[in-house]
PDB file of N, CA and C in Angstrom:
ATOM      1  N   MET A   1     166.709 139.955  73.218  1.00  0.00           N
ATOM      2  CA  MET A   1     165.507 139.311  73.740  1.00  0.00           C
ATOM      3  C   MET A   1     165.103 138.157  72.819  1.00  0.00           C
ATOM      4  N   PRO A   2     164.817 137.004  73.393  1.00  0.00           N
ATOM      5  CA  PRO A   2     164.334 135.903  72.557  1.00  0.00           C
ATOM      6  C   PRO A   2     162.881 136.125  72.139  1.00  0.00           C
ATOM      7  N   LYS A   3     162.515 135.451  71.080  1.00  0.00           N
ATOM      8  CA  LYS A   3     161.133 135.542  70.621  1.00  0.00           C
ATOM      9  C   LYS A   3     160.226 134.784  71.581  1.00  0.00           C
ATOM     10  N   LEU A   4     158.988 135.242  71.716  1.00  0.00           N
ATOM     11  CA  LEU A   4     157.993 134.540  72.540  1.00  0.00           C
ATOM     12  C   LEU A   4     157.295 133.495  71.694  1.00  0.00           C
ATOM     13  N   LYS A   5     156.988 132.370  72.320  1.00  0.00           N
ATOM     14  CA  LYS A   5     156.287 131.315  71.604  1.00  0.00           C
ATOM     15  C   LYS A   5     154.790 131.455  71.816  1.00  0.00           C
ATOM     16  N   THR A   6     154.030 131.220  70.751  1.00  0.00           N
ATOM     17  CA  THR A   6     152.577 131.210  70.823  1.00  0.00           C
ATOM     18  C   THR A   6     152.129 129.878  71.395  1.00  0.00           C
ATOM     19  N   HIS A   7     151.179 129.915  72.304  1.00  0.00           N
ATOM     20  CA  HIS A   7     150.595 128.686  72.847  1.00  0.00           C
ATOM     21  C   HIS A   7     149.705 128.095  71.758  1.00  0.00           C
ATOM     22  N   ARG A   8     150.128 126.952  71.199  1.00  0.00           N
ATOM     23  CA  ARG A   8     149.470 126.414  70.013  1.00  0.00           C
ATOM     24  C   ARG A   8     148.027 126.007  70.271  1.00  0.00           C
ATOM     25  N   ALA A   9     147.729 125.497  71.460  1.00  0.00           N
ATOM     26  CA  ALA A   9     146.347 125.118  71.775  1.00  0.00           C
ATOM     27  C   ALA A   9     145.444 126.348  71.785  1.00  0.00           C
ATOM     28  N   ALA A  10     145.959 127.458  72.311  1.00  0.00           N
ATOM     29  CA  ALA A  10     145.184 128.696  72.332  1.00  0.00           C
ATOM     30  C   ALA A  10     144.989 129.245  70.925  1.00  0.00           C
ATOM     31  N   ALA A  11     146.019 129.117  70.092  1.00  0.00           N
ATOM     32  CA  ALA A  11     145.929 129.620  68.720  1.00  0.00           C
ATOM     33  C   ALA A  11     144.860 128.870  67.925  1.00  0.00           C
ATOM     34  N   LYS A  12     144.648 127.591  68.258  1.00  0.00           N
ATOM     35  CA  LYS A  12     143.631 126.806  67.564  1.00  0.00           C
ATOM     36  C   LYS A  12     142.229 127.071  68.103  1.00  0.00           C
ATOM     37  N   ARG A  13     142.130 127.499  69.346  1.00  0.00           N
ATOM     38  CA  ARG A  13     140.814 127.693  69.972  1.00  0.00           C
ATOM     39  C   ARG A  13     140.246 129.098  69.806  1.00  0.00           C
ATOM     40  N   TYR A  14     141.099 130.091  69.671  1.00  0.00           N
ATOM     41  CA  TYR A  14     140.646 131.478  69.632  1.00  0.00           C
ATOM     42  C   TYR A  14     140.962 132.116  68.289  1.00  0.00           C
ATOM     43  N   LYS A  15     140.114 133.082  67.920  1.00  0.00           N
ATOM     44  CA  LYS A  15     140.287 133.812  66.669  1.00  0.00           C
ATOM     45  C   LYS A  15     140.347 135.299  67.006  1.00  0.00           C
ATOM     46  N   VAL A  16     141.281 136.003  66.390  1.00  0.00           N
ATOM     47  CA  VAL A  16     141.416 137.437  66.627  1.00  0.00           C
ATOM     48  C   VAL A  16     140.718 138.174  65.496  1.00  0.00           C
ATOM     49  N   THR A  17     139.835 139.104  65.839  1.00  0.00           N
ATOM     50  CA  THR A  17     139.109 139.872  64.828  1.00  0.00           C
ATOM     51  C   THR A  17     139.996 141.009  64.316  1.00  0.00           C
ATOM     52  N   ALA A  18     139.520 141.701  63.305  1.00  0.00           N
ATOM     53  CA  ALA A  18     140.287 142.795  62.701  1.00  0.00           C
ATOM     54  C   ALA A  18     140.488 143.949  63.679  1.00  0.00           C
ATOM     55  N   THR A  19     139.569 144.113  64.632  1.00  0.00           N
ATOM     56  CA  THR A  19     139.693 145.192  65.613  1.00  0.00           C
ATOM     57  C   THR A  19     140.506 144.775  66.834  1.00  0.00           C
ATOM     58  N   GLY A  20     140.972 143.510  66.871  1.00  0.00           N
ATOM     59  CA  GLY A  20     141.817 143.058  67.972  1.00  0.00           C
ATOM     60  C   GLY A  20     141.083 142.331  69.081  1.00  0.00           C
ATOM     61  N   LYS A  21     139.788 142.121  68.918  1.00  0.00           N
ATOM     62  CA  LYS A  21     139.031 141.381  69.925  1.00  0.00           C
ATOM     63  C   LYS A  21     139.249 139.883  69.712  1.00  0.00           C
ATOM     64  N   ILE A  22     139.101 139.099  70.787  1.00  0.00           N
ATOM     65  CA  ILE A  22     139.307 137.659  70.710  1.00  0.00           C
ATOM     66  C   ILE A  22     137.955 136.960  70.790  1.00  0.00           C
ATOM     67  N   GLU A  23     137.720 136.036  69.851  1.00  0.00           N
ATOM     68  CA  GLU A  23     136.461 135.288  69.817  1.00  0.00           C
ATOM     69  C   GLU A  23     136.712 133.825  70.137  1.00  0.00           C
ATOM     70  N   ARG A  24     135.681 133.177  70.676  1.00  0.00           N
ATOM     71  CA  ARG A  24     135.746 131.751  70.973  1.00  0.00           C
ATOM     72  C   ARG A  24     134.448 131.097  70.546  1.00  0.00           C
ATOM     73  N   ARG A  25     134.451 129.739  70.522  1.00  0.00           N
ATOM     74  CA  ARG A  25     133.241 128.995  70.194  1.00  0.00           C
ATOM     75  C   ARG A  25     132.401 128.787  71.449  1.00  0.00           C
ATOM     76  N   HIS A  26     131.118 128.559  71.264  1.00  0.00           N
ATOM     77  CA  HIS A  26     130.248 128.182  72.370  1.00  0.00           C
ATOM     78  C   HIS A  26     130.502 126.721  72.731  1.00  0.00           C
ATOM     79  N   ALA A  27     130.182 126.372  73.958  1.00  0.00           N
ATOM     80  CA  ALA A  27     130.238 124.974  74.378  1.00  0.00           C
ATOM     81  C   ALA A  27     128.923 124.295  74.006  1.00  0.00           C
ATOM     82  N   GLY A  28     128.952 122.979  73.864  1.00  0.00           N
ATOM     83  CA  GLY A  28     127.719 122.222  73.677  1.00  0.00           C
ATOM     84  C   GLY A  28     127.341 121.938  72.243  1.00  0.00           C
ATOM     85  N   ILE A  29     128.299 121.969  71.302  1.00  0.00           N
ATOM     86  CA  ILE A  29     127.941 121.695  69.907  1.00  0.00           C
ATOM     87  C   ILE A  29     128.509 120.374  69.418  1.00  0.00           C
ATOM     88  N   GLY A  30     129.135 119.615  70.313  1.00  0.00           N
ATOM     89  CA  GLY A  30     129.794 118.381  69.909  1.00  0.00           C
ATOM     90  C   GLY A  30     128.832 117.267  69.557  1.00  0.00           C
ATOM     91  N   HIS A  31     127.839 117.048  70.403  1.00  0.00           N
ATOM     92  CA  HIS A  31     126.897 115.947  70.192  1.00  0.00           C
ATOM     93  C   HIS A  31     125.640 116.224  71.001  1.00  0.00           C
ATOM     94  N   LEU A  32     124.707 115.290  70.978  1.00  0.00           N
ATOM     95  CA  LEU A  32     123.401 115.424  71.650  1.00  0.00           C
ATOM     96  C   LEU A  32     122.638 116.662  71.185  1.00  0.00           C
ATOM     97  N   LEU A  33     122.592 116.845  69.878  1.00  0.00           N
ATOM     98  CA  LEU A  33     121.924 118.029  69.329  1.00  0.00           C
ATOM     99  C   LEU A  33     120.451 117.784  69.014  1.00  0.00           C
ATOM    100  N   GLN A  34     120.000 116.526  69.034  1.00  0.00           N
ATOM    101  CA  GLN A  34     118.643 116.237  68.589  1.00  0.00           C
ATOM    102  C   GLN A  34     117.573 116.793  69.534  1.00  0.00           C
ATOM    103  N   HIS A  35     117.896 116.944  70.811  1.00  0.00           N
ATOM    104  CA  HIS A  35     116.878 117.446  71.733  1.00  0.00           C
ATOM    105  C   HIS A  35     116.966 118.954  71.958  1.00  0.00           C
ATOM    106  N   LYS A  36     117.952 119.616  71.352  1.00  0.00           N
ATOM    107  CA  LYS A  36     118.087 121.065  71.498  1.00  0.00           C
ATOM    108  C   LYS A  36     117.269 121.762  70.408  1.00  0.00           C
ATOM    109  N   SER A  37     116.663 122.875  70.763  1.00  0.00           N
ATOM    110  CA  SER A  37     115.817 123.588  69.804  1.00  0.00           C
ATOM    111  C   SER A  37     116.668 124.230  68.715  1.00  0.00           C
ATOM    112  N   GLU A  38     116.037 124.527  67.582  1.00  0.00           N
ATOM    113  CA  GLU A  38     116.748 125.116  66.446  1.00  0.00           C
ATOM    114  C   GLU A  38     117.326 126.481  66.800  1.00  0.00           C
ATOM    115  N   SER A  39     116.562 127.279  67.535  1.00  0.00           N
ATOM    116  CA  SER A  39     117.043 128.618  67.891  1.00  0.00           C
ATOM    117  C   SER A  39     118.237 128.527  68.831  1.00  0.00           C
ATOM    118  N   ARG A  40     118.204 127.564  69.750  1.00  0.00           N
ATOM    119  CA  ARG A  40     119.328 127.352  70.668  1.00  0.00           C
ATOM    120  C   ARG A  40     120.567 126.896  69.906  1.00  0.00           C
ATOM    121  N   LYS A  41     120.389 126.018  68.930  1.00  0.00           N
ATOM    122  CA  LYS A  41     121.515 125.537  68.139  1.00  0.00           C
ATOM    123  C   LYS A  41     122.116 126.651  67.290  1.00  0.00           C
ATOM    124  N   ARG A  42     121.277 127.520  66.740  1.00  0.00           N
ATOM    125  CA  ARG A  42     121.776 128.645  65.941  1.00  0.00           C
ATOM    126  C   ARG A  42     122.673 129.548  66.782  1.00  0.00           C
ATOM    127  N   LYS A  43     122.260 129.795  68.028  1.00  0.00           N
ATOM    128  CA  LYS A  43     123.054 130.632  68.918  1.00  0.00           C
ATOM    129  C   LYS A  43     124.370 129.952  69.279  1.00  0.00           C
ATOM    130  N   ILE A  44     124.314 128.643  69.499  1.00  0.00           N
ATOM    131  CA  ILE A  44     125.505 127.887  69.890  1.00  0.00           C
ATOM    132  C   ILE A  44     126.535 127.850  68.762  1.00  0.00           C
ATOM    133  N   PHE A  45     126.099 127.749  67.518  1.00  0.00           N
ATOM    134  CA  PHE A  45     127.035 127.611  66.401  1.00  0.00           C
ATOM    135  C   PHE A  45     127.758 128.910  66.046  1.00  0.00           C
ATOM    136  N   SER A  46     127.317 130.030  66.580  1.00  0.00           N
ATOM    137  CA  SER A  46     128.004 131.289  66.304  1.00  0.00           C
ATOM    138  C   SER A  46     129.150 131.493  67.292  1.00  0.00           C
ATOM    139  N   ASN A  47     130.065 132.379  66.967  1.00  0.00           N
ATOM    140  CA  ASN A  47     131.180 132.697  67.857  1.00  0.00           C
ATOM    141  C   ASN A  47     130.770 133.798  68.821  1.00  0.00           C
ATOM    142  N   ILE A  48     131.470 133.878  69.950  1.00  0.00           N
ATOM    143  CA  ILE A  48     131.179 134.881  70.968  1.00  0.00           C
ATOM    144  C   ILE A  48     132.491 135.507  71.419  1.00  0.00           C
ATOM    145  N   GLU A  49     132.443 136.780  71.786  1.00  0.00           N
ATOM    146  CA  GLU A  49     133.625 137.468  72.276  1.00  0.00           C
ATOM    147  C   GLU A  49     133.941 136.979  73.690  1.00  0.00           C
ATOM    148  N   ILE A  50     135.224 136.846  74.011  1.00  0.00           N
ATOM    149  CA  ILE A  50     135.593 136.357  75.340  1.00  0.00           C
ATOM    150  C   ILE A  50     135.315 137.427  76.388  1.00  0.00           C
ATOM    151  N   SER A  51     135.166 137.005  77.634  1.00  0.00           N
ATOM    152  CA  SER A  51     134.868 137.939  78.711  1.00  0.00           C
ATOM    153  C   SER A  51     136.112 138.738  79.082  1.00  0.00           C
ATOM    154  N   GLU A  52     135.903 139.858  79.723  1.00  0.00           N
ATOM    155  CA  GLU A  52     137.011 140.728  80.113  1.00  0.00           C
ATOM    156  C   GLU A  52     137.927 140.057  81.127  1.00  0.00           C
ATOM    157  N   THR A  53     137.374 139.150  81.948  1.00  0.00           N
ATOM    158  CA  THR A  53     138.172 138.479  82.967  1.00  0.00           C
ATOM    159  C   THR A  53     139.203 137.534  82.349  1.00  0.00           C
ATOM    160  N   HIS A  54     138.916 136.970  81.187  1.00  0.00           N
ATOM    161  CA  HIS A  54     139.834 136.048  80.534  1.00  0.00           C
ATOM    162  C   HIS A  54     140.730 136.713  79.491  1.00  0.00           C
ATOM    163  N   GLU A  55     140.444 137.952  79.174  1.00  0.00           N
ATOM    164  CA  GLU A  55     141.158 138.625  78.093  1.00  0.00           C
ATOM    165  C   GLU A  55     142.662 138.730  78.355  1.00  0.00           C
ATOM    166  N   LYS A  56     143.039 139.052  79.586  1.00  0.00           N
ATOM    167  CA  LYS A  56     144.446 139.207  79.933  1.00  0.00           C
ATOM    168  C   LYS A  56     145.184 137.867  79.858  1.00  0.00           C
ATOM    169  N   LEU A  57     144.542 136.809  80.344  1.00  0.00           N
ATOM    170  CA  LEU A  57     145.153 135.480  80.343  1.00  0.00           C
ATOM    171  C   LEU A  57     145.387 134.966  78.921  1.00  0.00           C
ATOM    172  N   ILE A  58     144.384 135.121  78.078  1.00  0.00           N
ATOM    173  CA  ILE A  58     144.487 134.616  76.706  1.00  0.00           C
ATOM    174  C   ILE A  58     145.452 135.464  75.886  1.00  0.00           C
ATOM    175  N   SER A  59     145.519 136.750  76.166  1.00  0.00           N
ATOM    176  CA  SER A  59     146.456 137.621  75.450  1.00  0.00           C
ATOM    177  C   SER A  59     147.905 137.231  75.714  1.00  0.00           C
ATOM    178  N   LYS A  60     148.188 136.689  76.898  1.00  0.00           N
ATOM    179  CA  LYS A  60     149.542 136.207  77.202  1.00  0.00           C
ATOM    180  C   LYS A  60     149.880 134.987  76.357  1.00  0.00           C
ATOM    181  N   GLU A  61     148.894 134.155  76.091  1.00  0.00           N
ATOM    182  CA  GLU A  61     149.123 132.956  75.296  1.00  0.00           C
ATOM    183  C   GLU A  61     149.261 133.277  73.808  1.00  0.00           C
ATOM    184  N   LEU A  62     148.738 134.421  73.391  1.00  0.00           N
ATOM    185  CA  LEU A  62     148.832 134.851  71.990  1.00  0.00           C
ATOM    186  C   LEU A  62     149.661 136.134  71.910  1.00  0.00           C
ATOM    187  N   PRO A  63     150.987 136.048  72.053  1.00  0.00           N
ATOM    188  CA  PRO A  63     151.791 137.266  72.105  1.00  0.00           C
ATOM    189  C   PRO A  63     151.793 138.062  70.806  1.00  0.00           C
ATOM    190  N   TYR A  64     151.639 137.364  69.654  1.00  0.00           N
ATOM    191  CA  TYR A  64     151.641 138.061  68.372  1.00  0.00           C
ATOM    192  C   TYR A  64     150.217 138.117  67.818  1.00  0.00           C
ATOM    193  N   LYS A  65     149.329 138.624  68.661  1.00  0.00           N
ATOM    194  CA  LYS A  65     147.911 138.731  68.363  1.00  0.00           C
ATOM    195  C   LYS A  65     147.654 139.510  67.078  1.00  0.00           C
ATOM    196  N   LYS A  66     148.468 140.494  66.855  1.00  0.00           N
ATOM    197  CA  LYS A  66     148.312 141.380  65.714  1.00  0.00           C
ATOM    198  C   LYS A  66     148.398 140.618  64.385  1.00  0.00           C
ATOM    199  N   TYR A  67     149.188 139.538  64.356  1.00  0.00           N
ATOM    200  CA  TYR A  67     149.434 138.811  63.118  1.00  0.00           C
ATOM    201  C   TYR A  67     148.670 137.502  63.011  1.00  0.00           C
ATOM    202  N   SER A  68     147.892 137.150  64.021  1.00  0.00           N
ATOM    203  CA  SER A  68     147.211 135.836  64.002  1.00  0.00           C
ATOM    204  C   SER A  68     145.771 135.956  63.518  1.00  0.00           C
ATOM    205  N   ARG A  69     145.592 136.344  62.257  1.00  0.00           N
ATOM    206  CA  ARG A  69     144.256 136.453  61.688  1.00  0.00           C
ATOM    207  C   ARG A  69     144.070 135.414  60.618  1.00  0.00           C
TER     208      ARG A  69
END
């Protein structure tokens, strides 16, 4: 069997936690931050766990999830 290749764009966008969950960044932190409230910005700058609907798709792109920490 040949080795599976990791989707490099996915590897840069997602982070695998120690328990095997996949985290992603929030949208909306690139620019136009001056009119957003401080509490909203604090929430945006933190990472969030991906939804169950996307978990299967992203796991295919990260075949060696166990080692990508």
